[in-house]
Amino acid sequence: MKDAQQAIEDAERRELLRRMLGFAHHHHTRLAERTAELGLTPAQAKALYFVATSPTTGRLAKRLHCDASNLTGIVDRLEALGFIERYTDSVDRRVKRLAITETGRHVRLQVERAMFDVPELDVLSAEQQTQLSGLMELVWQEGDPLAD
């Protein structure tokens, strides 16, 4: 009897994970489409979103969970588009600072709108959304990956 109950619980857990991953994949795909309309890859959009709170290439790389050398191409592209400016730190010449431009702020706002446009959540009441948020907080206590 215990094995049958465990099998049911395992199946329910797999189904829950399948739905969570499916939702995340769908949202990521839609976000990639929306950022492509802005002329950005998802990595470039994410970098633009975080550059305001991660003003050096080192901090931005850490925020994006990538090596600083991998960030160079992303920063090059954002700079070429006029969305950010890169300059050398006045105290430590090894540090490269990043600043978002006025144009970059405008595009960042569009990226943010795309990131947080989740019409699938509209089927939930405000109370249900709060409950879901609380449940996700219990499951995922690593902090908010999108916090500024």
Protein backbone atom coordinates (compact mmCIF):
# COMPACT_ATOMS: atom_id res chain seq x y z
CA MET A 1 0.00 0.00 0.00
CA LYS A 2 2.82 2.40 0.86
CA ASP A 3 4.50 1.74 -2.51
CA ALA A 4 1.26 2.57 -4.35
CA GLN A 5 0.86 5.81 -2.39
CA GLN A 6 4.49 6.72 -3.07
CA ALA A 7 3.99 6.07 -6.79
CA ILE A 8 0.98 8.43 -6.81
CA GLU A 9 2.92 11.13 -4.96
CA ASP A 10 5.89 10.73 -7.32
CA ALA A 11 3.60 11.04 -10.35
CA GLU A 12 1.96 14.15 -8.90
CA ARG A 13 5.36 15.68 -8.19
CA ARG A 14 6.53 14.95 -11.75
CA GLU A 15 3.35 16.51 -13.14
CA LEU A 16 3.83 19.62 -10.98
CA LEU A 17 7.42 19.98 -12.17
CA ARG A 18 6.38 19.40 -15.80
CA ARG A 19 3.83 22.22 -15.51
CA MET A 20 6.27 24.59 -13.80
CA LEU A 21 8.96 23.96 -16.40
CA GLY A 22 6.43 24.22 -19.24
CA PHE A 23 5.22 27.58 -17.92
CA ALA A 24 8.81 28.86 -17.54
CA HIS A 25 9.72 27.67 -21.05
CA HIS A 26 6.63 29.29 -22.56
CA HIS A 27 7.35 32.59 -20.79
CA HIS A 28 11.02 32.50 -21.85
CA THR A 29 10.04 31.81 -25.48
CA ARG A 30 7.54 34.69 -25.51
CA LEU A 31 10.13 36.97 -23.89
CA ALA A 32 12.70 36.01 -26.54
CA GLU A 33 10.18 36.91 -29.26
CA ARG A 34 9.38 40.25 -27.64
CA THR A 35 13.03 41.18 -27.10
CA ALA A 36 13.82 40.17 -30.69
CA GLU A 37 11.29 42.80 -31.77
CA LEU A 38 13.52 45.29 -29.93
CA GLY A 39 16.57 43.97 -31.79
CA LEU A 40 17.96 42.23 -28.71
CA THR A 41 18.81 38.68 -27.77
CA PRO A 42 17.48 37.47 -24.40
CA ALA A 43 21.01 37.79 -22.95
CA GLN A 44 21.31 41.38 -24.18
CA ALA A 45 17.86 42.23 -22.82
CA LYS A 46 18.72 40.74 -19.43
CA ALA A 47 22.01 42.65 -19.33
CA LEU A 48 20.23 45.90 -20.20
CA TYR A 49 17.66 45.20 -17.49
CA PHE A 50 20.35 44.72 -14.82
CA VAL A 51 22.96 47.29 -15.88
CA ALA A 52 21.41 50.02 -13.72
CA THR A 53 21.98 47.98 -10.56
CA SER A 54 25.22 46.33 -11.67
CA PRO A 55 27.32 49.28 -12.87
CA THR A 56 30.57 47.38 -13.58
CA THR A 57 31.24 44.59 -16.03
CA GLY A 58 32.36 42.35 -13.16
CA ARG A 59 29.17 42.89 -11.15
CA LEU A 60 27.00 42.51 -14.24
CA ALA A 61 28.72 39.24 -15.16
CA LYS A 62 28.13 37.96 -11.64
CA ARG A 63 24.48 39.04 -11.80
CA LEU A 64 24.06 37.23 -15.12
CA HIS A 65 25.96 34.17 -13.86
CA CYS A 66 28.54 34.31 -16.62
CA ASP A 67 32.24 34.91 -17.01
CA ALA A 68 33.21 38.54 -17.60
CA SER A 69 34.86 37.54 -20.88
CA ASN A 70 31.50 36.21 -22.11
CA LEU A 71 29.90 39.54 -21.28
CA THR A 72 32.17 41.49 -23.64
CA GLY A 73 30.15 40.72 -26.77
CA ILE A 74 26.87 41.56 -25.05
CA VAL A 75 28.22 44.87 -23.76
CA ASP A 76 29.77 45.62 -27.18
CA ARG A 77 26.39 45.17 -28.85
CA LEU A 78 24.49 47.26 -26.27
CA GLU A 79 27.10 49.99 -26.61
CA ALA A 80 26.91 49.89 -30.43
CA LEU A 81 23.13 50.29 -30.19
CA GLY A 82 23.61 53.34 -27.98
CA PHE A 83 21.88 51.75 -24.97
CA ILE A 84 24.86 51.86 -22.62
CA GLU A 85 28.21 53.60 -22.27
CA ARG A 86 31.36 51.93 -21.02
CA TYR A 87 34.21 53.78 -19.36
CA THR A 88 37.22 53.08 -17.17
CA ASP A 89 36.87 53.61 -13.43
CA SER A 90 38.72 56.72 -12.28
CA VAL A 91 40.15 54.98 -9.19
CA ASP A 92 40.90 51.50 -10.55
CA ARG A 93 41.72 51.39 -14.26
CA ARG A 94 41.10 47.62 -14.32
CA VAL A 95 37.40 48.23 -13.59
CA LYS A 96 35.08 48.93 -16.51
CA ARG A 97 31.98 50.90 -15.52
CA LEU A 98 28.69 50.84 -17.38
CA ALA A 99 26.03 53.53 -17.59
CA ILE A 100 22.64 53.29 -19.23
CA THR A 101 21.81 56.02 -21.75
CA GLU A 102 18.49 57.80 -22.16
CA THR A 103 17.74 55.60 -25.19
CA GLY A 104 18.77 52.58 -23.13
CA ARG A 105 16.36 53.58 -20.35
CA HIS A 106 13.52 53.72 -22.86
CA VAL A 107 14.35 50.27 -24.26
CA ARG A 108 14.90 48.88 -20.74
CA LEU A 109 11.35 49.94 -19.88
CA GLN A 110 10.08 47.97 -22.88
CA VAL A 111 12.17 44.96 -21.79
CA GLU A 112 10.74 45.22 -18.29
CA ARG A 113 7.20 45.34 -19.65
CA ALA A 114 7.91 42.22 -21.71
CA MET A 115 9.41 40.42 -18.71
CA PHE A 116 6.44 41.09 -16.47
CA ASP A 117 3.69 40.67 -19.06
CA VAL A 118 2.29 37.30 -18.00
CA PRO A 119 -1.32 37.06 -19.22
CA GLU A 120 -1.53 33.44 -18.02
CA LEU A 121 -1.70 34.77 -14.46
CA ASP A 122 -4.84 36.77 -15.30
CA VAL A 123 -6.95 33.65 -14.66
CA LEU A 124 -5.95 33.90 -11.00
CA SER A 125 -7.55 36.34 -8.61
CA ALA A 126 -5.31 38.73 -6.70
CA GLU A 127 -5.67 36.46 -3.66
CA GLN A 128 -4.71 33.37 -5.68
CA GLN A 129 -1.68 35.18 -7.09
CA THR A 130 -0.62 36.08 -3.55
CA GLN A 131 -1.08 32.45 -2.48
CA LEU A 132 0.94 31.20 -5.44
CA SER A 133 3.67 33.70 -4.67
CA GLY A 134 3.78 32.50 -1.07
CA LEU A 135 3.99 28.87 -2.17
CA MET A 136 6.78 29.67 -4.62
CA GLU A 137 8.63 31.50 -1.86
CA LEU A 138 8.47 28.33 0.27
CA VAL A 139 9.83 26.29 -2.62
CA TRP A 140 12.40 28.78 -3.90
CA GLN A 141 14.20 30.67 -1.14
CA GLU A 142 17.24 31.70 -3.16
CA GLY A 143 16.07 35.29 -3.43
CA ASP A 144 14.48 37.17 -6.28
CA PRO A 145 16.52 36.67 -9.46
CA LEU A 146 14.90 39.78 -10.94
CA ALA A 147 15.28 42.09 -7.97
CA ASP A 148 16.98 45.37 -8.74
